[in-house]
C-alpha atoms as a PDB file:
ATOM      1  CA  MET A   1       7.237   0.748 -22.115  1.00  0.00           C
ATOM      2  CA  ALA A   2       4.721  -0.431 -22.243  1.00  0.00           C
ATOM      3  CA  PRO A   3       1.972  -2.647 -20.112  1.00  0.00           C
ATOM      4  CA  GLU A   4       3.362  -5.391 -18.909  1.00  0.00           C
ATOM      5  CA  THR A   5       0.965  -8.413 -19.180  1.00  0.00           C
ATOM      6  CA  SER A   6       2.940 -11.207 -18.410  1.00  0.00           C
ATOM      7  CA  THR A   7       2.893 -13.653 -14.555  1.00  0.00           C
ATOM      8  CA  SER A   8       5.152 -16.047 -13.498  1.00  0.00           C
ATOM      9  CA  VAL A   9       1.796 -16.606 -11.045  1.00  0.00           C
ATOM     10  CA  SER A  10      -0.194 -20.051 -12.368  1.00  0.00           C
ATOM     11  CA  ALA A  11      -3.758 -19.554 -13.349  1.00  0.00           C
ATOM     12  CA  ALA A  12      -4.651 -20.918  -9.102  1.00  0.00           C
ATOM     13  CA  PRO A  13      -8.960 -20.973  -9.623  1.00  0.00           C
ATOM     14  CA  LEU A  14     -10.254 -18.316  -6.003  1.00  0.00           C
ATOM     15  CA  SER A  15     -13.407 -18.471  -5.091  1.00  0.00           C
ATOM     16  CA  LEU A  16     -14.787 -15.740  -6.211  1.00  0.00           C
ATOM     17  CA  ASP A  17     -18.682 -14.611  -5.292  1.00  0.00           C
ATOM     18  CA  ARG A  18     -20.894 -11.935  -6.233  1.00  0.00           C
ATOM     19  CA  GLY A  19     -20.585 -10.266  -2.714  1.00  0.00           C
ATOM     20  CA  HIS A  20     -16.760 -10.654  -2.349  1.00  0.00           C
ATOM     21  CA  GLY A  21     -16.496  -9.498  -6.137  1.00  0.00           C
ATOM     22  CA  LEU A  22     -18.726  -5.748  -5.688  1.00  0.00           C
ATOM     23  CA  GLU A  23     -16.335  -5.430  -1.829  1.00  0.00           C
ATOM     24  CA  LEU A  24     -13.410  -5.699  -3.969  1.00  0.00           C
ATOM     25  CA  LEU A  25     -14.497  -2.579  -6.037  1.00  0.00           C
ATOM     26  CA  ARG A  26     -16.066  -1.078  -3.689  1.00  0.00           C
ATOM     27  CA  GLN A  27     -13.044  -0.896  -1.731  1.00  0.00           C
ATOM     28  CA  MET A  28     -10.173   0.113  -5.152  1.00  0.00           C
ATOM     29  CA  LEU A  29     -13.150   2.806  -5.689  1.00  0.00           C
ATOM     30  CA  LEU A  30     -12.938   4.403  -1.869  1.00  0.00           C
ATOM     31  CA  ILE A  31      -9.484   4.558  -2.278  1.00  0.00           C
ATOM     32  CA  ARG A  32      -9.077   6.571  -5.602  1.00  0.00           C
ATOM     33  CA  ARG A  33     -11.998   8.986  -4.884  1.00  0.00           C
ATOM     34  CA  PHE A  34      -9.898   9.773  -1.751  1.00  0.00           C
ATOM     35  CA  GLU A  35      -7.229  10.206  -3.523  1.00  0.00           C
ATOM     36  CA  GLU A  36      -8.785  11.926  -6.035  1.00  0.00           C
ATOM     37  CA  LYS A  37      -9.862  14.336  -3.292  1.00  0.00           C
ATOM     38  CA  SER A  38      -6.491  14.510  -1.668  1.00  0.00           C
ATOM     39  CA  ALA A  39      -5.681  16.743  -4.689  1.00  0.00           C
ATOM     40  CA  GLU A  40      -7.934  18.650  -4.188  1.00  0.00           C
ATOM     41  CA  LEU A  41      -7.372  19.814  -1.503  1.00  0.00           C
ATOM     42  CA  TYR A  42      -3.152  20.151  -1.583  1.00  0.00           C
ATOM     43  CA  THR A  43      -4.112  23.309  -3.762  1.00  0.00           C
ATOM     44  CA  LEU A  44      -5.824  24.576  -1.629  1.00  0.00           C
ATOM     45  CA  GLY A  45      -3.321  24.725   0.797  1.00  0.00           C
ATOM     46  CA  LYS A  46      -5.685  21.961   3.179  1.00  0.00           C
ATOM     47  CA  ILE A  47      -3.065  19.290   2.645  1.00  0.00           C
ATOM     48  CA  GLN A  48       0.591  20.474   2.947  1.00  0.00           C
ATOM     49  CA  GLY A  49       3.884  18.567   2.729  1.00  0.00           C
ATOM     50  CA  PHE A  50       4.873  16.203   0.560  1.00  0.00           C
ATOM     51  CA  LEU A  51       1.862  14.077  -0.451  1.00  0.00           C
ATOM     52  CA  HIS A  52       2.405  10.562  -2.844  1.00  0.00           C
ATOM     53  CA  LEU A  53      -0.508   9.666  -4.030  1.00  0.00           C
ATOM     54  CA  TYR A  54      -1.660   5.556  -4.852  1.00  0.00           C
ATOM     55  CA  ILE A  55      -3.594   6.200  -8.370  1.00  0.00           C
ATOM     56  CA  GLY A  56      -3.442   3.563 -10.339  1.00  0.00           C
ATOM     57  CA  GLU A  57      -2.142   1.167  -7.515  1.00  0.00           C
ATOM     58  CA  GLU A  58      -5.428   0.358  -6.185  1.00  0.00           C
ATOM     59  CA  ALA A  59      -5.285  -3.425  -6.451  1.00  0.00           C
ATOM     60  CA  VAL A  60      -2.663  -3.970  -5.083  1.00  0.00           C
ATOM     61  CA  ALA A  61      -3.831  -2.357  -1.935  1.00  0.00           C
ATOM     62  CA  ALA A  62      -6.987  -4.306  -2.130  1.00  0.00           C
ATOM     63  CA  GLY A  63      -6.217  -7.568  -3.148  1.00  0.00           C
ATOM     64  CA  ALA A  64      -3.361  -7.955  -0.928  1.00  0.00           C
ATOM     65  CA  ILE A  65      -4.914  -7.164   2.332  1.00  0.00           C
ATOM     66  CA  GLN A  66      -7.624  -9.406   1.532  1.00  0.00           C
ATOM     67  CA  ALA A  67      -4.984 -12.255   2.886  1.00  0.00           C
ATOM     68  CA  LEU A  68      -4.605 -10.464   6.234  1.00  0.00           C
ATOM     69  CA  THR A  69      -5.746 -11.499   9.719  1.00  0.00           C
ATOM     70  CA  SER A  70      -6.739  -8.470  12.067  1.00  0.00           C
ATOM     71  CA  ASP A  71      -3.138 -10.189  14.327  1.00  0.00           C
ATOM     72  CA  ASP A  72      -1.355 -10.158  11.025  1.00  0.00           C
ATOM     73  CA  ALA A  73       0.255  -6.805  10.899  1.00  0.00           C
ATOM     74  CA  VAL A  74       1.348  -4.316   8.166  1.00  0.00           C
ATOM     75  CA  VAL A  75       4.359  -2.318   7.098  1.00  0.00           C
ATOM     76  CA  SER A  76       4.277   0.319   4.362  1.00  0.00           C
ATOM     77  CA  THR A  77       5.941   3.279   2.411  1.00  0.00           C
ATOM     78  CA  TYR A  78       4.969   6.796   2.302  1.00  0.00           C
ATOM     79  CA  ARG A  79       2.697   5.580  -0.287  1.00  0.00           C
ATOM     80  CA  GLU A  80       0.546   4.457   2.164  1.00  0.00           C
ATOM     81  CA  HIS A  81      -3.023   5.932   2.108  1.00  0.00           C
ATOM     82  CA  GLY A  82      -4.246   2.971   0.149  1.00  0.00           C
ATOM     83  CA  HIS A  83      -2.494   1.017   2.936  1.00  0.00           C
ATOM     84  CA  ALA A  84      -4.101   1.885   5.249  1.00  0.00           C
ATOM     85  CA  LEU A  85      -7.701   2.492   4.452  1.00  0.00           C
ATOM     86  CA  MET A  86      -7.723  -1.125   3.380  1.00  0.00           C
ATOM     87  CA  ARG A  87      -6.043  -2.585   6.629  1.00  0.00           C
ATOM     88  CA  GLY A  88      -9.600  -0.596   8.547  1.00  0.00           C
ATOM     89  CA  VAL A  89      -8.162   3.071   9.279  1.00  0.00           C
ATOM     90  CA  PRO A  90     -11.223   5.185   9.550  1.00  0.00           C
ATOM     91  CA  ALA A  91     -11.101   7.466   6.037  1.00  0.00           C
ATOM     92  CA  GLY A  92     -11.245  10.751   9.378  1.00  0.00           C
ATOM     93  CA  ALA A  93      -8.421   9.498  11.051  1.00  0.00           C
ATOM     94  CA  VAL A  94      -6.210   9.808   7.930  1.00  0.00           C
ATOM     95  CA  MET A  95      -7.302  12.755   6.309  1.00  0.00           C
ATOM     96  CA  ALA A  96      -7.780  14.138   9.706  1.00  0.00           C
ATOM     97  CA  GLU A  97      -4.011  13.332   9.344  1.00  0.00           C
ATOM     98  CA  MET A  98      -2.692  14.967   6.615  1.00  0.00           C
ATOM     99  CA  TYR A  99      -4.164  17.216   7.653  1.00  0.00           C
ATOM    100  CA  GLY A 100      -2.289  18.126  10.670  1.00  0.00           C
ATOM    101  CA  LYS A 101      -5.887  17.741  13.029  1.00  0.00           C
ATOM    102  CA  ALA A 102      -5.257  15.916  16.536  1.00  0.00           C
ATOM    103  CA  ASN A 103      -8.195  14.412  15.536  1.00  0.00           C
ATOM    104  CA  GLY A 104      -5.872  12.292  13.318  1.00  0.00           C
ATOM    105  CA  CYS A 105      -4.695   8.586  13.125  1.00  0.00           C
ATOM    106  CA  SER A 106      -1.027   9.885  14.731  1.00  0.00           C
ATOM    107  CA  ARG A 107      -2.233  12.742  16.622  1.00  0.00           C
ATOM    108  CA  GLY A 108      -1.396  15.312  13.155  1.00  0.00           C
ATOM    109  CA  ARG A 109       2.738  14.862  14.366  1.00  0.00           C
ATOM    110  CA  GLY A 110       3.002  12.999  10.930  1.00  0.00           C
ATOM    111  CA  GLY A 111       1.335  13.666   8.062  1.00  0.00           C
ATOM    112  CA  SER A 112       0.913  11.952   5.087  1.00  0.00           C
ATOM    113  CA  MET A 113       3.710  10.050   5.117  1.00  0.00           C
ATOM    114  CA  HIS A 114       3.866   8.904   8.447  1.00  0.00           C
ATOM    115  CA  LEU A 115       0.138   7.179   8.605  1.00  0.00           C
ATOM    116  CA  PHE A 116       0.164   4.681  11.840  1.00  0.00           C
ATOM    117  CA  ASP A 117      -2.625   2.679  13.603  1.00  0.00           C
ATOM    118  CA  ALA A 118      -1.308   0.113  16.396  1.00  0.00           C
ATOM    119  CA  SER A 119      -4.876  -0.959  17.468  1.00  0.00           C
ATOM    120  CA  ARG A 120      -4.849  -2.594  13.426  1.00  0.00           C
ATOM    121  CA  ARG A 121      -1.145  -3.123  14.373  1.00  0.00           C
ATOM    122  CA  PHE A 122      -0.562  -0.736  10.894  1.00  0.00           C
ATOM    123  CA  TYR A 123       3.389   0.441  11.279  1.00  0.00           C
ATOM    124  CA  GLY A 124       3.377   3.435   9.050  1.00  0.00           C
ATOM    125  CA  GLY A 125       3.985   4.809   6.776  1.00  0.00           C
ATOM    126  CA  ASN A 126       7.439   5.270   6.875  1.00  0.00           C
ATOM    127  CA  ALA A 127       9.684   8.228   5.242  1.00  0.00           C
ATOM    128  CA  ILE A 128      12.464   6.411   4.480  1.00  0.00           C
ATOM    129  CA  VAL A 129      12.935   4.645   1.566  1.00  0.00           C
ATOM    130  CA  SER A 130      13.073   0.862   2.730  1.00  0.00           C
ATOM    131  CA  GLY A 131      12.861   1.949   5.965  1.00  0.00           C
ATOM    132  CA  GLY A 132      10.356  -0.136   6.578  1.00  0.00           C
ATOM    133  CA  LEU A 133      11.673  -3.332   6.093  1.00  0.00           C
ATOM    134  CA  PRO A 134      13.629  -3.866   9.170  1.00  0.00           C
ATOM    135  CA  LEU A 135      10.811  -2.742  11.287  1.00  0.00           C
ATOM    136  CA  ALA A 136       9.388  -5.871   9.437  1.00  0.00           C
ATOM    137  CA  VAL A 137      12.203  -7.959  10.669  1.00  0.00           C
ATOM    138  CA  GLY A 138      11.610  -7.418  13.815  1.00  0.00           C
ATOM    139  CA  LEU A 139       8.520  -7.479  14.326  1.00  0.00           C
ATOM    140  CA  ALA A 140       8.479 -10.627  12.230  1.00  0.00           C
ATOM    141  CA  LEU A 141      11.387 -11.679  14.597  1.00  0.00           C
ATOM    142  CA  ALA A 142       8.999 -10.475  18.515  1.00  0.00           C
ATOM    143  CA  ASP A 143       6.146 -12.727  16.821  1.00  0.00           C
ATOM    144  CA  SER A 144       9.246 -16.040  16.335  1.00  0.00           C
ATOM    145  CA  LEU A 145      10.392 -15.601  19.728  1.00  0.00           C
ATOM    146  CA  GLN A 146       6.676 -15.843  20.952  1.00  0.00           C
ATOM    147  CA  ASN A 147       5.918 -18.408  19.096  1.00  0.00           C
ATOM    148  CA  ARG A 148       2.771 -16.350  18.024  1.00  0.00           C
ATOM    149  CA  LYS A 149       1.193 -17.190  14.181  1.00  0.00           C
ATOM    150  CA  ARG A 150       1.419 -14.007  12.575  1.00  0.00           C
ATOM    151  CA  VAL A 151       2.308 -12.681   9.436  1.00  0.00           C
ATOM    152  CA  THR A 152       4.192  -9.287   9.315  1.00  0.00           C
ATOM    153  CA  ALA A 153       3.721  -7.602   5.249  1.00  0.00           C
ATOM    154  CA  CYS A 154       5.665  -5.561   4.366  1.00  0.00           C
ATOM    155  CA  LEU A 155       4.905  -3.282   1.429  1.00  0.00           C
ATOM    156  CA  PHE A 156       7.958  -1.603  -0.861  1.00  0.00           C
ATOM    157  CA  GLY A 157       8.072   0.113  -3.735  1.00  0.00           C
ATOM    158  CA  ASP A 158      11.315  -1.156  -6.882  1.00  0.00           C
ATOM    159  CA  GLY A 159      13.581   2.283  -5.105  1.00  0.00           C
ATOM    160  CA  ALA A 160      13.788  -0.136  -1.941  1.00  0.00           C
ATOM    161  CA  VAL A 161      15.715  -2.803  -3.780  1.00  0.00           C
ATOM    162  CA  ALA A 162      18.603  -0.910  -4.502  1.00  0.00           C
ATOM    163  CA  GLU A 163      18.844   0.404  -0.464  1.00  0.00           C
ATOM    164  CA  GLY A 164      21.170  -1.880   1.295  1.00  0.00           C
ATOM    165  CA  GLU A 165      18.432  -3.002   3.956  1.00  0.00           C
ATOM    166  CA  PHE A 166      16.703  -4.385   1.470  1.00  0.00           C
ATOM    167  CA  HIS A 167      19.337  -6.895   1.442  1.00  0.00           C
ATOM    168  CA  GLU A 168      20.040  -6.677   5.589  1.00  0.00           C
ATOM    169  CA  SER A 169      16.761  -7.491   5.485  1.00  0.00           C
ATOM    170  CA  LEU A 170      15.771 -10.642   3.427  1.00  0.00           C
ATOM    171  CA  ASN A 171      19.095 -12.002   4.674  1.00  0.00           C
ATOM    172  CA  LEU A 172      17.974 -12.098   7.911  1.00  0.00           C
ATOM    173  CA  ALA A 173      14.391 -12.996   7.122  1.00  0.00           C
ATOM    174  CA  ALA A 174      15.333 -15.629   5.476  1.00  0.00           C
ATOM    175  CA  LEU A 175      18.866 -16.985   8.120  1.00  0.00           C
ATOM    176  CA  TRP A 176      15.509 -16.712  10.975  1.00  0.00           C
ATOM    177  CA  ARG A 177      12.571 -18.076   9.294  1.00  0.00           C
ATOM    178  CA  LEU A 178      10.901 -15.434  10.338  1.00  0.00           C
ATOM    179  CA  PRO A 179       7.218 -14.585   9.261  1.00  0.00           C
ATOM    180  CA  VAL A 180       8.036 -12.075   6.809  1.00  0.00           C
ATOM    181  CA  LEU A 181       5.343 -11.073   3.556  1.00  0.00           C
ATOM    182  CA  PHE A 182       7.855  -8.921   1.585  1.00  0.00           C
ATOM    183  CA  LEU A 183       5.922  -7.174  -1.367  1.00  0.00           C
ATOM    184  CA  CYS A 184       7.660  -4.966  -3.472  1.00  0.00           C
ATOM    185  CA  GLU A 185       5.328  -2.649  -5.613  1.00  0.00           C
ATOM    186  CA  ASN A 186       6.683  -2.317  -8.514  1.00  0.00           C
ATOM    187  CA  ASN A 187       5.799   0.920 -10.515  1.00  0.00           C
ATOM    188  CA  ARG A 188       8.195   1.090 -13.116  1.00  0.00           C
ATOM    189  CA  TYR A 189      10.310   4.655 -11.156  1.00  0.00           C
ATOM    190  CA  ALA A 190      11.917   5.483  -8.525  1.00  0.00           C
ATOM    191  CA  MET A 191      10.924   8.973  -7.725  1.00  0.00           C
ATOM    192  CA  GLY A 192      11.586   9.592 -11.237  1.00  0.00           C
ATOM    193  CA  THR A 193      14.168   6.977 -12.012  1.00  0.00           C
ATOM    194  CA  ALA A 194      12.939   4.177 -14.636  1.00  0.00           C
ATOM    195  CA  ILE A 195      13.560   0.826 -13.100  1.00  0.00           C
ATOM    196  CA  GLU A 196      15.645  -0.059 -16.371  1.00  0.00           C
ATOM    197  CA  ARG A 197      18.361   2.403 -14.511  1.00  0.00           C
ATOM    198  CA  HIS A 198      18.856   2.062 -11.839  1.00  0.00           C
ATOM    199  CA  GLN A 199      18.367  -2.147 -11.288  1.00  0.00           C
ATOM    200  CA  ALA A 200      21.349  -4.059 -13.667  1.00  0.00           C
ATOM    201  CA  ARG A 201      18.566  -7.011 -13.613  1.00  0.00           C
ATOM    202  CA  THR A 202      14.637  -5.979 -13.144  1.00  0.00           C
ATOM    203  CA  ASP A 203      12.843  -8.799 -12.723  1.00  0.00           C
ATOM    204  CA  ILE A 204      12.957  -7.717  -8.863  1.00  0.00           C
ATOM    205  CA  GLN A 205      11.402 -10.813  -7.189  1.00  0.00           C
ATOM    206  CA  ALA A 206      14.670 -12.877  -9.170  1.00  0.00           C
ATOM    207  CA  LYS A 207      16.691 -11.700  -6.637  1.00  0.00           C
ATOM    208  CA  ALA A 208      14.690 -13.480  -3.602  1.00  0.00           C
ATOM    209  CA  ALA A 209      16.587 -16.299  -5.166  1.00  0.00           C
ATOM    210  CA  SER A 210      20.360 -15.274  -3.527  1.00  0.00           C
ATOM    211  CA  TYR A 211      18.136 -15.812  -0.965  1.00  0.00           C
ATOM    212  CA  GLY A 212      16.449 -18.946  -0.496  1.00  0.00           C
ATOM    213  CA  ILE A 213      13.751 -16.593  -0.799  1.00  0.00           C
ATOM    214  CA  PRO A 214      10.362 -18.593  -2.019  1.00  0.00           C
ATOM    215  CA  ALA A 215       9.248 -15.647  -4.421  1.00  0.00           C
ATOM    216  CA  GLU A 216       6.991 -14.916  -7.262  1.00  0.00           C
ATOM    217  CA  ALA A 217       5.142 -12.224  -9.712  1.00  0.00           C
ATOM    218  CA  VAL A 218       1.850 -11.143 -10.215  1.00  0.00           C
ATOM    219  CA  ASP A 219       0.489  -9.233 -12.852  1.00  0.00           C
ATOM    220  CA  GLY A 220      -0.677  -5.919 -10.450  1.00  0.00           C
ATOM    221  CA  MET A 221      -3.341  -4.442 -11.960  1.00  0.00           C
ATOM    222  CA  ASP A 222      -5.210  -7.110 -11.563  1.00  0.00           C
ATOM    223  CA  VAL A 223      -6.654  -7.278  -8.278  1.00  0.00           C
ATOM    224  CA  LEU A 224      -7.906 -11.260  -8.344  1.00  0.00           C
ATOM    225  CA  GLU A 225      -4.674 -11.913  -9.165  1.00  0.00           C
ATOM    226  CA  VAL A 226      -3.123  -9.968  -6.212  1.00  0.00           C
ATOM    227  CA  GLU A 227      -5.430 -11.319  -4.113  1.00  0.00           C
ATOM    228  CA  ARG A 228      -4.734 -14.773  -4.939  1.00  0.00           C
ATOM    229  CA  ALA A 229      -0.925 -14.837  -4.595  1.00  0.00           C
ATOM    230  CA  ALA A 230      -1.162 -13.055  -2.005  1.00  0.00           C
ATOM    231  CA  ARG A 231      -3.267 -15.627   0.107  1.00  0.00           C
ATOM    232  CA  ARG A 232      -0.608 -18.230  -1.304  1.00  0.00           C
ATOM    233  CA  ALA A 233       1.780 -16.439   0.095  1.00  0.00           C
ATOM    234  CA  ALA A 234       0.948 -15.629   4.015  1.00  0.00           C
ATOM    235  CA  ASP A 235      -0.069 -19.413   4.221  1.00  0.00           C
ATOM    236  CA  ALA A 236       3.040 -19.766   3.462  1.00  0.00           C
ATOM    237  CA  VAL A 237       4.623 -17.676   5.838  1.00  0.00           C
ATOM    238  CA  ARG A 238       1.631 -18.169   8.343  1.00  0.00           C
ATOM    239  CA  SER A 239       2.126 -22.601   8.422  1.00  0.00           C
ATOM    240  CA  GLY A 240       6.368 -22.183   9.412  1.00  0.00           C
ATOM    241  CA  ASP A 241       7.900 -22.087   6.015  1.00  0.00           C
ATOM    242  CA  GLY A 242       9.469 -18.510   6.901  1.00  0.00           C
ATOM    243  CA  PRO A 243       9.410 -15.610   4.519  1.00  0.00           C
ATOM    244  CA  TYR A 244       7.485 -15.189   1.379  1.00  0.00           C
ATOM    245  CA  PHE A 245       9.064 -12.528  -1.573  1.00  0.00           C
ATOM    246  CA  LEU A 246       5.856 -11.290  -4.371  1.00  0.00           C
ATOM    247  CA  GLU A 247       6.374  -8.406  -6.786  1.00  0.00           C
ATOM    248  CA  ALA A 248       3.315  -6.673  -7.758  1.00  0.00           C
ATOM    249  CA  ARG A 249       3.639  -5.663 -11.322  1.00  0.00           C
ATOM    250  CA  THR A 250       2.194  -1.933 -11.138  1.00  0.00           C
ATOM    251  CA  TYR A 251       1.661   1.614 -12.108  1.00  0.00           C
ATOM    252  CA  ARG A 252       0.988   5.017 -10.715  1.00  0.00           C
ATOM    253  CA  PHE A 253      -1.135   7.194 -12.974  1.00  0.00           C
ATOM    254  CA  ARG A 254      -0.241  10.703 -11.248  1.00  0.00           C
ATOM    255  CA  ALA A 255       3.095  12.519 -10.733  1.00  0.00           C
ATOM    256  CA  HIS A 256       5.704  10.240  -7.896  1.00  0.00           C
ATOM    257  CA  SER A 257       4.033  13.377  -4.990  1.00  0.00           C
ATOM    258  CA  MET A 258       2.401  16.364  -5.999  1.00  0.00           C
ATOM    259  CA  TYR A 259       5.850  18.337  -6.010  1.00  0.00           C
ATOM    260  CA  ASP A 260       6.798  16.239  -8.759  1.00  0.00           C
ATOM    261  CA  ALA A 261       7.026  18.615 -12.561  1.00  0.00           C
ATOM    262  CA  GLU A 262       7.628  14.674 -14.477  1.00  0.00           C
ATOM    263  CA  LEU A 263       9.138  15.212 -17.119  1.00  0.00           C
ATOM    264  CA  TYR A 264      11.100  11.744 -16.721  1.00  0.00           C
ATOM    265  CA  ARG A 265       7.768  10.027 -18.559  1.00  0.00           C
ATOM    266  CA  LYS A 266       5.900  10.972 -21.692  1.00  0.00           C
ATOM    267  CA  LYS A 267       2.590  11.117 -21.853  1.00  0.00           C
ATOM    268  CA  ALA A 268       2.062   8.412 -24.030  1.00  0.00           C
ATOM    269  CA  GLU A 269       3.348   6.154 -21.608  1.00  0.00           C
ATOM    270  CA  VAL A 270       0.744   7.206 -19.026  1.00  0.00           C
ATOM    271  CA  GLU A 271      -1.955   6.702 -20.800  1.00  0.00           C
ATOM    272  CA  LYS A 272      -0.502   3.360 -22.578  1.00  0.00           C
ATOM    273  CA  TRP A 273      -0.974   1.933 -19.417  1.00  0.00           C
ATOM    274  CA  LYS A 274      -4.527   4.042 -17.943  1.00  0.00           C
ATOM    275  CA  GLU A 275      -6.001   0.942 -20.758  1.00  0.00           C
ATOM    276  CA  ARG A 276      -5.117  -1.427 -17.469  1.00  0.00           C
ATOM    277  CA  ASP A 277      -6.920   1.365 -15.142  1.00  0.00           C
ATOM    278  CA  PRO A 278      -7.581  -1.954 -12.713  1.00  0.00           C
ATOM    279  CA  ILE A 279     -10.700  -0.793 -11.657  1.00  0.00           C
ATOM    280  CA  LEU A 280     -12.391  -0.528 -14.969  1.00  0.00           C
ATOM    281  CA  LEU A 281     -11.158  -4.075 -15.792  1.00  0.00           C
ATOM    282  CA  PHE A 282     -12.311  -5.573 -12.699  1.00  0.00           C
ATOM    283  CA  GLY A 283     -15.485  -3.342 -12.897  1.00  0.00           C
ATOM    284  CA  ASP A 284     -15.440  -4.874 -17.237  1.00  0.00           C
ATOM    285  CA  ARG A 285     -15.161  -8.518 -15.326  1.00  0.00           C
ATOM    286  CA  LEU A 286     -17.684  -7.967 -13.276  1.00  0.00           C
ATOM    287  CA  ARG A 287     -19.991  -7.039 -15.526  1.00  0.00           C
ATOM    288  CA  GLU A 288     -18.925  -9.947 -17.948  1.00  0.00           C
ATOM    289  CA  LEU A 289     -20.376 -12.237 -14.805  1.00  0.00           C
ATOM    290  CA  GLY A 290     -23.921 -10.087 -15.231  1.00  0.00           C
ATOM    291  CA  TRP A 291     -22.823  -8.932 -11.505  1.00  0.00           C
ATOM    292  CA  LEU A 292     -22.434  -5.402 -11.078  1.00  0.00           C
ATOM    293  CA  SER A 293     -25.294  -3.102 -12.817  1.00  0.00           C
ATOM    294  CA  GLU A 294     -24.822   0.943 -13.028  1.00  0.00           C
ATOM    295  CA  ASP A 295     -27.179   0.976 -10.759  1.00  0.00           C
ATOM    296  CA  ASP A 296     -24.472  -1.003  -8.589  1.00  0.00           C
ATOM    297  CA  LEU A 297     -21.949   1.284  -9.596  1.00  0.00           C
ATOM    298  CA  ARG A 298     -23.996   4.283  -9.398  1.00  0.00           C
ATOM    299  CA  LYS A 299     -24.634   2.795  -5.522  1.00  0.00           C
ATOM    300  CA  ILE A 300     -21.172   1.790  -4.893  1.00  0.00           C
ATOM    301  CA  GLU A 301     -20.067   6.163  -6.438  1.00  0.00           C
ATOM    302  CA  ALA A 302     -22.460   7.169  -3.595  1.00  0.00           C
ATOM    303  CA  ALA A 303     -21.226   5.324  -0.396  1.00  0.00           C
ATOM    304  CA  VAL A 304     -17.613   6.139  -0.682  1.00  0.00           C
ATOM    305  CA  ALA A 305     -18.384   9.345  -1.515  1.00  0.00           C
ATOM    306  CA  ALA A 306     -20.507   9.460   1.507  1.00  0.00           C
ATOM    307  CA  ILE A 307     -17.174   8.301   3.386  1.00  0.00           C
ATOM    308  CA  VAL A 308     -15.189  10.294   1.701  1.00  0.00           C
ATOM    309  CA  ALA A 309     -17.296  13.051   2.105  1.00  0.00           C
ATOM    310  CA  GLU A 310     -17.363  12.113   6.077  1.00  0.00           C
ATOM    311  CA  ALA A 311     -13.807  12.535   6.511  1.00  0.00           C
ATOM    312  CA  VAL A 312     -13.443  15.684   5.207  1.00  0.00           C
ATOM    313  CA  ALA A 313     -15.868  16.643   7.069  1.00  0.00           C
ATOM    314  CA  PHE A 314     -13.951  15.220  10.097  1.00  0.00           C
ATOM    315  CA  ALA A 315     -10.664  16.855   9.258  1.00  0.00           C
ATOM    316  CA  GLU A 316     -12.282  20.186   9.239  1.00  0.00           C
ATOM    317  CA  ALA A 317     -14.198  19.705  12.662  1.00  0.00           C
ATOM    318  CA  GLY A 318     -10.540  18.689  13.938  1.00  0.00           C
ATOM    319  CA  ALA A 319      -8.639  20.514  16.679  1.00  0.00           C
ATOM    320  CA  TRP A 320      -5.222  22.097  16.140  1.00  0.00           C
ATOM    321  CA  GLU A 321      -2.784  20.630  18.550  1.00  0.00           C
ATOM    322  CA  PRO A 322      -2.468  22.920  21.873  1.00  0.00           C
ATOM    323  CA  LEU A 323       0.422  25.073  21.728  1.00  0.00           C
ATOM    324  CA  GLU A 324       1.586  23.504  24.783  1.00  0.00           C
ATOM    325  CA  ASP A 325       1.901  20.113  24.279  1.00  0.00           C
ATOM    326  CA  LEU A 326       4.163  20.600  21.021  1.00  0.00           C
ATOM    327  CA  THR A 327       7.081  19.402  23.265  1.00  0.00           C
ATOM    328  CA  LYS A 328       5.088  16.367  24.203  1.00  0.00           C
ATOM    329  CA  ASP A 329       6.600  13.086  23.257  1.00  0.00           C
ATOM    330  CA  VAL A 330      10.104  15.046  21.649  1.00  0.00           C
ATOM    331  CA  TYR A 331      11.732  15.856  24.893  1.00  0.00           C
ATOM    332  CA  THR A 332      12.191  14.549  27.790  1.00  0.00           C
ATOM    333  CA  PRO A 333      13.083  16.594  31.149  1.00  0.00           C
ATOM    334  CA  VAL A 334      15.854  15.125  32.973  1.00  0.00           C
ATOM    335  CA  ALA A 335      16.452  15.805  36.796  1.00  0.00           C
ATOM    336  CA  GLY A 336      19.008  18.331  37.871  1.00  0.00           C
END
């Protein structure tokens, strides 16, 4: 299964300056180093439960969320650490949540798969495959009824396409012309099942055509291609044209989760895809432009390392939820 480099997205120019380029690189490196530290902490028993890493897919989150404003909403999957960080959820709040500490963004109640931050309109972290799509449709319906010019960006994996909620959500969004940006992060595996084994038609963006939704496929290993497509899509949605569908063709370098023995794909395939590492490719592009020196990279890495270290310290210092609060927000006493 060789990496895909073709895309249906046109080569429309994107305004790029050195500052923005270095920021995109910093964001992708933040996701990568945060995830690497999370894997380390998981092996030490600091993080428990399920842990799904975003390593390899950083260009999608870093590129797509550039297109959103603070008023827009983001609905995510259980592989959402990178989405949360790009949405502005503090790294410490994310790490503390994975520790299960009360200073986590979901007060320690959700863990890795249920990151929430309503103040930033980040609505999950949803552990149910495809479970975020109906939520996104609901948020977009509320905005539509209130005549608010907002976008709800809904991110999901290729495995979600096999679920009924996918089709129901696209149908309603198209029928009611709702402001949803559907973004499929196609990393080619639904857990351990290759896309060729769970989809009769592997060109996922083409599925949107049956609902009359405009759609594009984009190289998900190219942060600039993702940003270009996401901005075009978000502008269309915000203008009142109804939903838009993007398929970002990407690849995860790590197993589905930390529990995954990864027996379903060959190591050679993974290594081949690593040749298209979005961080290395973009770094090379910045060097060719004369915008990235080794000193620049060292400074970015140092700044990212400091953020990750502070996040771990924040989580370590956090308190556990008091025992007497364990039933809070779970049970409602009934009078009489």
